[in-house]
Amino acid sequence: MSTYRDGIRSIVGRFPALLARLGVVDREMGEEIFDLAVPVIVTGSLRTLVRTVDFFMVSIALGSTAVAALQFGFQYSLLTLGLGLSLASGTISIVSRFTGADEPERADLALKQSLWLTLLVSTPLAVIGWVWAEPLIDALTEDPRAIALGAVYLKLLMLSTPFHFWTIVSSRALAGVGDTRTPMYIRTSSLPTNTAINAVLIFGLGPFPRLGIAGAAIGTTVANALQATLFTAVFLSGRYDIGLRLSGPQFDRSILREILRVGLPITGTQLGAIVARFPFLFVLGALGTNVVAAYAIGRRIVALARMPAFGYATASSTLVGQSLGR
């Protein structure tokens, strides 16, 4: 197995050398970008595959209406994801610059401030999602079963918002210091747990109750909580290039200003693109839940195709930020 992995790594690792030979990139820079991007691509692809499997399991257990309900709920969770990615963008920007400037204490403070900010933003969002889940789903469809199922899914999924935000910002902070492998190990290690819990609770395997769509949300919530816990353990261990120091200053106005300066414009871009999908989803809902279910599966497949761009964007953010800090 080790020989097989080494062979795959050797073949994949030749890609930057090939591009350098063609004169497309500088070889050393290409290898550095490739090394940062690949773990992000692998993580995103595996997570998307797990989400796709979740949709198929719900389809088998409950039918296309339940898949449509998943998509209705998931669309609202994308709004929170957009906010989380915006905070993460500000985090990777400032952490990478402090890393390039060889100011690890400032990078640690930026991480701490970003994490506290995620809790401040994500906790109210979780409450809103829990309280207003049903009217939010009702705005997208008139199907009573889809509304009921979607509300259950959205309520439980929104409970994981603080954990999800914590995970996103943590992974970008590590990327800012040039470490994309640790986030890959943490985030992929939770995927078997996610899939197993989903399968057991969706279908009611063994002594466990058959929870259907609620089981899918519980699996995701547990996985997000596990990831957040592992990231916290990493930061508290003191064995990495960035850490969470609970003592010392908790707030720095200049760091907060910089996080918001980078993150707020991205918030507008992210939320604009996500909000624009709601009228489209409403039209699909009018055509029937089967159409929405087909769209949901298609979206998962399209997301896979976007992972390379996401990986290289993360690598670029890291290297550009570190260069600006030098």
Foldseek 3Di string as FASTA:
>chain_A
DVVVVVVVCVVVLCVLVVCVVVVNDPSVVSSLLCVQQVLQLVLLLLVLVLVLVLLVLLCVLPNLLLLLLQVLLVLVVLLLVLLLVLLLLLLLLQLLLCLLLVNQVVNQLLLLLSLVVLCVPLPVQLVCQQPCLLVSSVVQAPPPVSSVSSSLLNNLLSVLSSLQSLLSNLQSSQVLNVDNNVSSCLLVVLSVQLNVQLNCQCCVPDPRHNNRSNSNSVSVSVSSNSSSVVSQCVQPVPPGSYHHDPDDDNDDPVSVVSSCVRRVVSSCVSNVVSVVCRVVSSVQNVVHSNSSSVVSSVVSVVSSVCSSVVSSVSSVSNVVSSVNND
